[in-house]
Amino acid sequence: MKVLWFSNTPALGADFLNKNNRLKSTGGWLYSLNKDFQENVELSVAFHYPYDKGIFQYEKSHYFPIFTGNIVVENLKKRFYGKVYDSDFLTHYIEIIKKVNPDIIHIHGTENAFLCVLGKVDIPIVISIQGNLTIYQHKYHSGFFGKFLKKKQGNISLKSLLFGNKNFYKGYKNMEKMAEIEGRHLKLAKNIIGRTAWDKRITRILSPRSEYYIGNEMLRNKFYKTKWNNIYKSGKIILFTTNGDAYYKGFETLCYSLNLLNEMGLNIEWRVAGVSENSLINTITKQHLGEKYPNLGLVLLGSIDESRLINNMKVSHLYIMPSHIENSPNNLCEAMIVGMPCIATLAGGTSS
């Protein structure tokens, strides 16, 4: 059976591209799924890529990089015009489909440009729900209420003039555009894969004529081989969260909660992966909370690799997921699969 993926990442192909230091391999869940899936089907993976790279084979899969244009020019378009892709590369997608001639096309994610192939080919197409921007945009302001959206990070430099200092407003405006694209294309979907009750509910509204299938995601391999057993006995309580420099991931809730725990006199250390001292989300959280920003117990680890992530899980007592909106966050699933006690916000699909 021949299967063609349209993916936001090169999946396992990132290992091959990383040989030239063009792309760092993250070893995410699509990477793991690709590695396993290629043993059972003839798999091809198409993805956007900012360098002009030809078709290649790695292990048992075939990869089709779709060149999105000069990286400087494209970044300038995003900087000044808020450029997001819709049907810009439809011709390239159709060419790949004709070349592969798959039995089925699998599009990973509803928020990307790949959905423009719906209605353009006769081959069966199934779409996996990852998140849903139509819903996410309504929760984007939770916690900060939009007050700090335009707050910028960093000093003025040539790079910032060309590409713009980071602020969350651009991310929000891009999400609005992508949500419109998502909603427009989902109406045409005939087959959808989801994994939570939330998935099913929103697709019955946004794509009521589609067939719905359950397909759970595969986690990174090392998490299946790791067993947590650090049951709390006495002394310092270590909490752990994998978060990110993102506006709606609940970092301000985390900091506010830690401040309350400190006021109770508890000996707490809250470790946060994915956020550093210089992260914009940390800067605006300090301004937002003022004196309620914790001055004790907050350990910001920044970006860490898989091994350090697992090591931090092993020595922690609880995993906390504070996001205002999620579907089935892989970071929470990873903590659960290693056996950690977990606390999560009742948001989106997390209850499933």
Protein backbone atom coordinates (compact mmCIF):
# COMPACT_ATOMS: atom_id res chain seq x y z
CA MET A 1 0.00 0.00 0.00
CA LYS A 2 1.31 3.44 -0.93
CA VAL A 3 0.67 6.28 1.52
CA LEU A 4 1.54 9.95 1.00
CA TRP A 5 1.85 12.21 4.02
CA PHE A 6 1.62 15.98 3.92
CA SER A 7 3.34 17.07 7.10
CA ASN A 8 4.42 20.28 8.86
CA THR A 9 7.79 18.63 9.53
CA PRO A 10 10.09 16.26 7.60
CA ALA A 11 9.50 13.66 10.35
CA LEU A 12 12.24 11.00 10.16
CA GLY A 13 13.70 12.83 7.12
CA ALA A 14 15.03 15.48 9.50
CA ASP A 15 17.90 13.10 10.31
CA PHE A 16 18.99 13.14 6.68
CA LEU A 17 18.63 16.92 6.36
CA ASN A 18 20.52 17.43 9.61
CA LYS A 19 23.61 15.93 8.04
CA ASN A 20 24.09 19.28 6.32
CA ASN A 21 23.10 21.19 9.47
CA ARG A 22 20.11 22.56 7.61
CA LEU A 23 17.52 21.33 10.05
CA LYS A 24 17.76 20.19 13.64
CA SER A 25 16.07 16.85 14.25
CA THR A 26 13.64 17.11 17.15
CA GLY A 27 12.70 13.43 17.29
CA GLY A 28 9.03 14.33 17.73
CA TRP A 29 6.04 12.01 17.58
CA LEU A 30 5.80 12.17 13.75
CA TYR A 31 9.42 11.09 13.67
CA SER A 32 8.53 8.01 15.73
CA LEU A 33 5.40 7.30 13.68
CA ASN A 34 7.36 7.61 10.44
CA LYS A 35 10.01 5.19 11.67
CA ASP A 36 7.42 2.58 12.61
CA PHE A 37 4.99 3.17 9.76
CA GLN A 38 7.56 2.70 6.98
CA GLU A 39 7.85 -0.95 7.97
CA ASN A 40 4.25 -1.60 6.94
CA VAL A 41 3.56 0.64 3.93
CA GLU A 42 5.39 2.36 1.09
CA LEU A 43 5.57 5.79 2.68
CA SER A 44 6.26 9.18 1.10
CA VAL A 45 6.42 12.43 3.08
CA ALA A 46 5.89 15.90 1.57
CA PHE A 47 6.73 19.03 3.57
CA HIS A 48 7.59 22.71 3.17
CA TYR A 49 11.29 23.51 3.21
CA PRO A 50 13.10 26.88 3.03
CA TYR A 51 15.97 25.53 0.91
CA ASP A 52 15.96 24.17 -2.64
CA LYS A 53 16.44 20.48 -1.94
CA GLY A 54 15.66 17.59 -4.27
CA ILE A 55 13.65 14.45 -3.59
CA PHE A 56 15.52 11.96 -1.42
CA GLN A 57 15.14 8.59 0.21
CA TYR A 58 16.10 7.91 3.81
CA GLU A 59 15.77 4.46 5.34
CA LYS A 60 12.57 3.06 3.80
CA SER A 61 10.72 6.35 3.17
CA HIS A 62 10.72 8.84 0.30
CA TYR A 63 10.78 12.58 1.00
CA PHE A 64 9.52 15.48 -1.11
CA PRO A 65 10.74 18.90 0.12
CA ILE A 66 8.55 21.70 -1.23
CA PHE A 67 10.75 24.76 -1.70
CA THR A 68 8.91 27.79 -0.29
CA GLY A 69 11.26 30.37 -1.78
CA ASN A 70 14.24 32.41 -0.64
CA ILE A 71 14.25 32.31 3.14
CA VAL A 72 15.05 36.05 3.50
CA VAL A 73 12.32 37.09 1.07
CA GLU A 74 9.76 34.80 2.69
CA ASN A 75 10.61 36.10 6.16
CA LEU A 76 10.19 39.67 4.92
CA LYS A 77 6.75 38.78 3.56
CA LYS A 78 5.81 37.35 6.94
CA ARG A 79 7.32 40.36 8.69
CA PHE A 80 5.56 43.10 6.72
CA TYR A 81 2.49 41.39 5.28
CA GLY A 82 1.75 38.61 7.78
CA LYS A 83 2.06 36.10 4.95
CA VAL A 84 0.54 32.66 5.53
CA TYR A 85 0.30 29.97 2.88
CA ASP A 86 -3.04 28.87 1.48
CA SER A 87 -3.12 27.47 -2.07
CA ASP A 88 0.24 29.02 -3.03
CA PHE A 89 1.87 25.65 -3.72
CA LEU A 90 -1.16 23.69 -4.93
CA THR A 91 0.54 22.95 -8.26
CA HIS A 92 3.51 21.42 -6.41
CA TYR A 93 1.21 19.34 -4.21
CA ILE A 94 -0.61 17.96 -7.27
CA GLU A 95 2.70 17.16 -9.00
CA ILE A 96 3.84 15.17 -5.95
CA ILE A 97 0.52 13.33 -5.79
CA LYS A 98 0.80 12.38 -9.47
CA LYS A 99 4.40 11.24 -9.02
CA VAL A 100 3.70 9.10 -5.95
CA ASN A 101 0.27 7.92 -7.09
CA PRO A 102 -0.67 6.89 -3.51
CA ASP A 103 -3.58 4.72 -2.45
CA ILE A 104 -4.35 7.22 0.30
CA ILE A 105 -3.26 10.74 1.23
CA HIS A 106 -2.83 11.57 4.91
CA ILE A 107 -2.66 15.26 5.88
CA HIS A 108 -1.29 15.87 9.37
CA GLY A 109 -2.94 18.93 10.88
CA THR A 110 -5.90 21.08 9.86
CA GLU A 111 -4.18 24.46 10.07
CA ASN A 112 -1.79 24.07 7.15
CA ALA A 113 -1.95 24.88 3.43
CA PHE A 114 -2.05 21.23 2.38
CA LEU A 115 -5.83 21.10 2.80
CA CYS A 116 -6.19 22.99 -0.48
CA VAL A 117 -5.87 19.61 -2.28
CA LEU A 118 -9.34 18.66 -0.98
CA GLY A 119 -11.68 18.37 -3.92
CA LYS A 120 -8.79 18.53 -6.40
CA VAL A 121 -7.94 14.80 -6.60
CA ASP A 122 -9.92 11.57 -6.65
CA ILE A 123 -7.60 9.73 -4.24
CA PRO A 124 -9.07 9.23 -0.73
CA ILE A 125 -7.79 11.87 1.73
CA VAL A 126 -7.80 11.63 5.52
CA ILE A 127 -6.92 14.51 7.82
CA SER A 128 -5.51 14.17 11.34
CA ILE A 129 -6.59 16.71 13.93
CA GLN A 130 -3.60 18.04 15.87
CA GLY A 131 -5.04 21.25 17.31
CA ASN A 132 -7.85 23.43 16.07
CA LEU A 133 -7.07 27.10 15.46
CA THR A 134 -10.73 28.01 15.07
CA ILE A 135 -11.05 27.30 18.80
CA TYR A 136 -7.51 28.23 19.83
CA GLN A 137 -7.91 31.83 18.67
CA HIS A 138 -10.76 32.33 21.15
CA LYS A 139 -8.48 31.27 24.04
CA TYR A 140 -5.35 33.08 22.84
CA HIS A 141 -5.90 36.05 25.17
CA SER A 142 -6.65 34.02 28.29
CA GLY A 143 -4.49 35.01 31.23
CA PHE A 144 -3.17 38.28 29.78
CA PHE A 145 -6.38 39.50 28.07
CA GLY A 146 -4.42 40.87 25.11
CA LYS A 147 -2.69 43.55 27.18
CA PHE A 148 0.83 42.44 26.30
CA LEU A 149 0.28 41.20 22.72
CA LYS A 150 2.39 43.96 21.18
CA LYS A 151 5.14 43.91 23.79
CA LYS A 152 8.43 43.27 21.98
CA GLN A 153 11.52 41.40 23.07
CA GLY A 154 15.10 42.38 22.38
CA ASN A 155 17.07 45.41 21.27
CA ILE A 156 16.85 47.16 17.91
CA SER A 157 19.26 45.61 15.41
CA LEU A 158 19.53 45.07 11.66
CA LYS A 159 18.06 41.60 12.17
CA SER A 160 15.10 42.98 14.12
CA LEU A 161 14.46 45.65 11.46
CA LEU A 162 14.40 42.99 8.74
CA PHE A 163 12.57 40.23 10.58
CA GLY A 164 11.01 42.06 13.50
CA ASN A 165 11.52 41.68 17.22
CA LYS A 166 9.33 38.95 18.58
CA ASN A 167 5.87 39.84 19.82
CA PHE A 168 2.77 37.74 20.26
CA TYR A 169 0.51 40.02 18.22
CA LYS A 170 1.92 38.73 14.93
CA GLY A 171 1.37 35.17 16.07
CA TYR A 172 -2.23 35.97 16.94
CA LYS A 173 -2.93 37.66 13.59
CA ASN A 174 -1.38 34.70 11.76
CA MET A 175 -3.55 32.35 13.79
CA GLU A 176 -6.64 34.32 12.73
CA LYS A 177 -5.73 33.92 9.06
CA MET A 178 -4.91 30.23 9.43
CA ALA A 179 -8.15 29.62 11.34
CA GLU A 180 -10.10 31.09 8.41
CA ILE A 181 -8.25 28.79 6.01
CA GLU A 182 -8.83 25.83 8.32
CA GLY A 183 -12.57 26.46 8.62
CA ARG A 184 -13.01 26.97 4.89
CA HIS A 185 -11.22 23.76 3.90
CA LEU A 186 -12.58 21.52 6.66
CA LYS A 187 -16.08 21.85 5.21
CA LEU A 188 -14.83 19.73 2.28
CA ALA A 189 -13.23 16.99 4.38
CA LYS A 190 -14.68 13.50 3.99
CA ASN A 191 -12.44 11.60 6.44
CA ILE A 192 -11.02 12.84 9.74
CA ILE A 193 -8.82 11.16 12.35
CA GLY A 194 -9.05 12.35 15.96
CA ARG A 195 -8.26 11.03 19.42
CA THR A 196 -10.26 13.01 21.97
CA ALA A 197 -13.92 13.74 22.68
CA TRP A 198 -13.11 17.39 21.91
CA ASP A 199 -11.82 16.39 18.46
CA LYS A 200 -15.04 14.64 17.70
CA ARG A 201 -17.27 17.46 18.92
CA ILE A 202 -15.58 20.22 16.94
CA THR A 203 -15.36 18.18 13.74
CA ARG A 204 -19.08 17.36 13.94
CA ILE A 205 -19.65 21.12 13.76
CA LEU A 206 -16.88 22.21 11.38
CA SER A 207 -17.09 19.16 9.11
CA PRO A 208 -20.50 17.55 9.79
CA ARG A 209 -20.50 15.35 6.67
CA SER A 210 -17.14 13.71 7.35
CA GLU A 211 -16.49 10.24 8.69
CA TYR A 212 -14.67 10.28 12.04
CA TYR A 213 -12.00 7.73 12.99
CA ILE A 214 -10.01 7.30 16.19
CA GLY A 215 -6.25 7.19 15.76
CA ASN A 216 -4.07 7.75 18.82
CA GLU A 217 -0.63 9.30 18.44
CA MET A 218 2.70 7.60 18.96
CA LEU A 219 5.06 9.17 21.49
CA ARG A 220 8.82 9.36 21.32
CA ASN A 221 10.44 5.97 21.87
CA LYS A 222 12.48 6.79 25.00
CA PHE A 223 9.37 7.68 27.01
CA TYR A 224 8.00 4.15 26.65
CA LYS A 225 11.26 2.83 28.10
CA THR A 226 11.34 5.21 31.07
CA LYS A 227 9.69 4.44 34.40
CA TRP A 228 9.11 7.12 37.02
CA ASN A 229 9.29 6.02 40.66
CA ASN A 230 10.25 9.14 42.61
CA ILE A 231 7.36 9.07 45.08
CA TYR A 232 7.46 12.04 47.45
CA LYS A 233 8.51 11.23 51.00
CA SER A 234 9.84 14.40 52.59
CA GLY A 235 11.79 17.58 51.93
CA LYS A 236 11.55 19.72 48.83
CA ILE A 237 8.61 19.17 46.46
CA ILE A 238 9.77 19.28 42.84
CA LEU A 239 7.16 20.15 40.18
CA PHE A 240 7.87 19.89 36.47
CA THR A 241 6.28 21.49 33.39
CA THR A 242 7.17 21.49 29.71
CA ASN A 243 5.90 24.79 28.38
CA GLY A 244 7.03 27.23 25.70
CA ASP A 245 7.42 30.88 24.78
CA ALA A 246 3.70 31.05 23.95
CA TYR A 247 0.93 33.44 25.02
CA TYR A 248 -1.81 30.92 25.90
CA LYS A 249 0.18 28.11 27.50
CA GLY A 250 -0.58 29.27 31.04
CA PHE A 251 2.90 30.32 32.12
CA GLU A 252 1.39 33.25 34.07
CA THR A 253 -0.94 30.78 35.87
CA LEU A 254 2.07 28.66 36.76
CA CYS A 255 3.94 31.64 38.22
CA TYR A 256 0.91 32.92 40.12
CA SER A 257 0.33 29.44 41.57
CA LEU A 258 3.95 29.11 42.67
CA ASN A 259 3.72 32.45 44.44
CA LEU A 260 0.67 31.21 46.37
CA LEU A 261 2.48 27.99 47.30
CA ASN A 262 5.45 30.05 48.53
CA GLU A 263 3.12 32.18 50.65
CA MET A 264 1.85 28.96 52.26
CA GLY A 265 5.39 28.23 53.36
CA LEU A 266 5.83 25.11 51.22
CA ASN A 267 9.28 24.13 50.07
CA ILE A 268 8.66 24.08 46.30
CA GLU A 269 10.93 23.96 43.27
CA TRP A 270 9.05 24.33 39.98
CA ARG A 271 11.15 23.43 36.95
CA VAL A 272 9.98 24.68 33.56
CA ALA A 273 11.43 23.37 30.30
CA GLY A 274 10.98 25.46 27.16
CA VAL A 275 11.11 28.85 28.89
CA SER A 276 14.28 30.78 29.75
CA GLU A 277 14.93 33.93 31.75
CA ASN A 278 15.07 35.91 28.48
CA SER A 279 11.89 34.44 26.97
CA LEU A 280 9.29 37.05 26.07
CA ILE A 281 6.60 35.16 27.99
CA ASN A 282 8.72 35.47 31.15
CA THR A 283 9.26 39.20 30.58
CA ILE A 284 5.55 39.99 30.22
CA THR A 285 4.61 37.66 33.07
CA LYS A 286 6.88 39.65 35.39
CA GLN A 287 5.14 42.85 34.30
CA HIS A 288 1.69 41.29 34.54
CA LEU A 289 2.10 39.80 38.02
CA GLY A 290 4.34 42.45 39.55
CA GLU A 291 4.91 41.58 43.21
CA LYS A 292 3.03 38.31 42.71
CA TYR A 293 5.75 36.99 40.40
CA PRO A 294 7.54 34.27 42.40
CA ASN A 295 10.91 35.29 43.78
CA LEU A 296 11.64 31.79 45.04
CA GLY A 297 11.53 28.29 43.60
CA LEU A 298 11.12 29.02 39.85
CA VAL A 299 13.77 27.24 37.75
CA LEU A 300 13.67 28.09 34.04
CA LEU A 301 15.54 25.43 32.09
CA GLY A 302 15.15 26.88 28.59
CA SER A 303 15.25 24.53 25.62
CA ILE A 304 16.48 21.08 26.65
CA ASP A 305 16.96 17.85 24.74
CA GLU A 306 15.07 14.61 25.22
CA SER A 307 17.60 13.11 27.65
CA ARG A 308 17.56 16.13 29.97
CA LEU A 309 13.78 16.22 29.76
CA ILE A 310 13.54 12.62 30.92
CA ASN A 311 16.11 13.14 33.68
CA ASN A 312 14.09 16.08 35.03
CA MET A 313 10.95 13.97 34.99
CA LYS A 314 12.68 11.24 36.97
CA VAL A 315 13.66 13.55 39.83
CA SER A 316 10.34 15.47 39.95
CA HIS A 317 7.32 14.54 42.07
CA LEU A 318 4.46 15.98 39.99
CA TYR A 319 3.86 17.01 36.41
CA ILE A 320 1.72 20.13 35.85
CA MET A 321 0.12 21.19 32.53
CA PRO A 322 -1.32 24.74 32.92
CA SER A 323 -2.35 25.58 29.30
CA HIS A 324 -5.55 27.52 28.63
CA ILE A 325 -6.27 25.44 25.53
CA GLU A 326 -4.84 22.15 24.24
CA ASN A 327 -6.06 19.05 22.46
CA SER A 328 -4.03 16.10 23.74
CA PRO A 329 -0.67 17.71 24.53
CA ASN A 330 2.24 15.38 23.89
CA ASN A 331 4.15 16.75 26.89
CA LEU A 332 1.33 15.65 29.20
CA CYS A 333 1.07 12.27 27.44
CA GLU A 334 4.82 11.75 27.86
CA ALA A 335 4.58 12.44 31.59
CA MET A 336 1.64 10.05 31.88
CA ILE A 337 3.33 7.23 29.94
CA VAL A 338 6.38 7.29 32.25
CA GLY A 339 4.02 7.07 35.23
CA MET A 340 4.22 10.55 36.76
CA PRO A 341 1.32 11.89 38.83
CA CYS A 342 -0.17 14.64 36.62
CA ILE A 343 -2.34 17.72 37.13
CA ALA A 344 -3.76 19.47 34.07
CA THR A 345 -6.18 22.25 33.29
CA LEU A 346 -9.61 21.17 32.06
CA ALA A 347 -9.03 22.56 28.56
CA GLY A 348 -9.91 21.26 25.11
CA GLY A 349 -9.18 17.56 24.86
CA THR A 350 -7.09 17.07 27.99
CA SER A 351 -9.91 15.39 29.90
CA SER A 352 -9.88 12.58 27.28
